[in-house]
Amino acid sequence: MTEERPPGTAHRHLSAPAVPDTVDLAHHELELLWAETPQVGDLDRMRFELAVVEVLANIVEHAYGEEHDDAHGARGVELDLAVEVDRLVAVLHDDGVRAELDLSRVSMPGEDAESGRGLALTLATVDELEYRREDGRNLWRLVCLRHS
């Protein structure tokens, strides 16, 4: 049975290894999402895509250490993307280590910093960013309210 969706909404799902090439796969899923929902404005698309890619890149880079690879093998990430009537939503799950961070304390690093901008950029572009540990997995939820 096919789920009925309101007009102008769409959903995409990606399940893949948490490796750098998966960022390209996420870009492809976003392209497919935009093809299904041409009424989503460019500004909304850009800020959502930036946030999704930054969080995914952080998962790829930081959620798994070498000790995880030795002990657990697989490094997986799941990405759910949704265009809803009034918002864009991304939910990312990974089974990496707990992220030890306080989102309320994230800020843009200095000009000379070579890294550390990802979450600060994400917070600047989304309307909601949530991180929690659930059932032994990390869950990231991003929401961008639609302006167009």
Protein backbone atom coordinates (compact mmCIF):
# COMPACT_ATOMS: atom_id res chain seq x y z
CA MET A 1 0.00 0.00 0.00
CA THR A 2 1.37 3.41 -0.96
CA GLU A 3 1.31 6.12 1.66
CA GLU A 4 -0.68 9.17 0.59
CA ARG A 5 1.27 12.41 0.93
CA PRO A 6 -0.01 15.94 0.67
CA PRO A 7 0.84 17.57 -2.68
CA GLY A 8 4.29 19.11 -2.78
CA THR A 9 5.77 16.80 -0.16
CA ALA A 10 8.33 14.04 -0.57
CA HIS A 11 10.57 11.64 1.35
CA ARG A 12 13.94 10.04 0.59
CA HIS A 13 15.93 7.47 2.57
CA LEU A 14 19.60 6.55 2.41
CA SER A 15 21.31 3.76 4.33
CA ALA A 16 25.04 3.58 3.68
CA PRO A 17 28.45 3.13 5.25
CA ALA A 18 29.70 6.15 7.19
CA VAL A 19 32.53 6.92 4.76
CA PRO A 20 33.40 10.10 2.83
CA ASP A 21 31.78 8.85 -0.42
CA THR A 22 28.42 8.76 1.38
CA VAL A 23 28.38 12.56 1.36
CA ASP A 24 28.15 12.35 -2.44
CA LEU A 25 25.30 9.85 -2.11
CA ALA A 26 23.50 12.29 0.19
CA HIS A 27 23.92 15.06 -2.39
CA HIS A 28 22.34 12.75 -4.95
CA GLU A 29 19.39 11.98 -2.66
CA LEU A 30 18.90 15.72 -2.15
CA GLU A 31 18.91 16.26 -5.93
CA LEU A 32 16.20 13.61 -6.26
CA LEU A 33 14.23 15.22 -3.44
CA TRP A 34 14.38 18.63 -5.15
CA ALA A 35 13.33 17.08 -8.46
CA GLU A 36 10.19 15.79 -6.73
CA THR A 37 9.49 19.15 -5.09
CA PRO A 38 10.38 21.97 -7.50
CA GLN A 39 8.30 24.45 -5.47
CA VAL A 40 10.91 24.47 -2.66
CA GLY A 41 12.82 27.72 -3.00
CA ASP A 42 16.54 27.99 -3.64
CA LEU A 43 17.32 29.60 -0.27
CA ASP A 44 15.49 26.85 1.62
CA ARG A 45 17.28 24.20 -0.44
CA MET A 46 20.71 25.72 0.11
CA ARG A 47 20.45 26.11 3.86
CA PHE A 48 18.95 22.63 4.32
CA GLU A 49 21.55 20.99 2.11
CA LEU A 50 24.41 22.79 3.88
CA ALA A 51 23.13 21.62 7.28
CA VAL A 52 22.57 18.01 6.20
CA VAL A 53 25.99 17.73 4.60
CA GLU A 54 27.78 19.31 7.57
CA VAL A 55 26.17 16.94 10.09
CA LEU A 56 26.79 13.94 7.84
CA ALA A 57 30.43 14.95 7.36
CA ASN A 58 30.81 15.23 11.15
CA ILE A 59 29.38 11.73 11.57
CA VAL A 60 31.79 10.35 8.97
CA GLU A 61 34.75 12.12 10.59
CA HIS A 62 34.01 11.88 14.31
CA ALA A 63 31.45 9.17 15.16
CA TYR A 64 33.78 6.25 14.62
CA GLY A 65 37.29 5.78 15.89
CA GLU A 66 39.72 3.07 14.87
CA GLU A 67 38.83 1.15 18.01
CA HIS A 68 35.18 1.03 16.78
CA ASP A 69 36.29 -0.45 13.46
CA ASP A 70 38.30 -3.13 15.25
CA ALA A 71 35.57 -4.01 17.76
CA HIS A 72 32.40 -3.57 15.73
CA GLY A 73 33.29 -3.66 12.06
CA ALA A 74 30.47 -1.83 10.32
CA ARG A 75 30.22 1.94 10.23
CA GLY A 76 26.71 2.80 9.17
CA VAL A 77 24.57 5.88 8.81
CA GLU A 78 20.93 6.29 7.91
CA LEU A 79 19.53 9.51 6.49
CA ASP A 80 15.86 10.34 6.15
CA LEU A 81 14.98 13.49 4.22
CA ALA A 82 11.50 14.96 4.06
CA VAL A 83 9.83 17.91 2.42
CA GLU A 84 6.73 18.69 4.42
CA VAL A 85 4.16 21.37 3.74
CA ASP A 86 5.87 23.92 5.99
CA ARG A 87 9.33 22.50 6.71
CA LEU A 88 12.29 20.45 5.56
CA VAL A 89 13.34 17.68 7.95
CA ALA A 90 16.43 15.48 8.09
CA VAL A 91 17.00 12.69 10.59
CA LEU A 92 20.37 10.99 10.74
CA HIS A 93 21.14 7.85 12.77
CA ASP A 94 24.53 6.29 13.34
CA ASP A 95 25.85 3.62 15.66
CA GLY A 96 29.08 5.44 16.46
CA VAL A 97 30.27 6.75 19.80
CA ARG A 98 28.21 9.24 21.78
CA ALA A 99 28.86 12.83 20.71
CA GLU A 100 30.15 14.65 23.78
CA LEU A 101 28.86 18.12 23.03
CA ASP A 102 26.54 20.79 24.26
CA LEU A 103 24.79 22.37 21.27
CA SER A 104 24.08 25.52 23.31
CA ARG A 105 27.84 26.10 23.58
CA VAL A 106 28.72 25.63 19.90
CA SER A 107 30.19 28.76 18.33
CA MET A 108 32.12 29.71 15.22
CA PRO A 109 35.87 29.19 15.70
CA GLY A 110 38.41 31.92 14.96
CA GLU A 111 39.52 32.81 11.45
CA ASP A 112 42.72 30.79 11.76
CA ALA A 113 40.97 27.58 12.80
CA GLU A 114 41.25 24.78 10.26
CA SER A 115 38.15 22.93 11.45
CA GLY A 116 35.24 23.19 13.86
CA ARG A 117 32.84 25.19 11.70
CA GLY A 118 30.42 22.40 10.75
CA LEU A 119 28.02 22.50 13.69
CA ALA A 120 28.27 26.28 13.97
CA LEU A 121 27.25 26.59 10.30
CA THR A 122 24.48 24.08 10.84
CA LEU A 123 23.10 26.00 13.82
CA ALA A 124 23.21 29.20 11.77
CA THR A 125 21.16 27.70 8.92
CA VAL A 126 18.51 25.56 10.62
CA ASP A 127 15.52 26.48 12.75
CA GLU A 128 15.94 23.40 14.96
CA LEU A 129 18.88 21.11 15.64
CA GLU A 130 18.52 18.24 18.07
CA TYR A 131 21.03 15.61 19.12
CA ARG A 132 20.33 12.72 21.42
CA ARG A 133 21.50 9.20 22.12
CA GLU A 134 18.68 6.69 21.64
CA ASP A 135 18.85 2.89 21.87
CA GLY A 136 22.65 2.92 21.61
CA ARG A 137 22.61 5.08 18.49
CA ASN A 138 23.14 8.76 17.78
CA LEU A 139 20.16 10.65 16.42
CA TRP A 140 20.43 14.05 14.77
CA ARG A 141 17.25 15.90 13.77
CA LEU A 142 17.39 19.06 11.64
CA VAL A 143 14.45 21.26 10.73
CA CYS A 144 14.35 24.20 8.35
CA LEU A 145 11.07 26.07 8.19
CA ARG A 146 10.12 26.83 4.60
CA HIS A 147 10.17 30.49 3.63
CA SER A 148 9.11 30.05 0.02
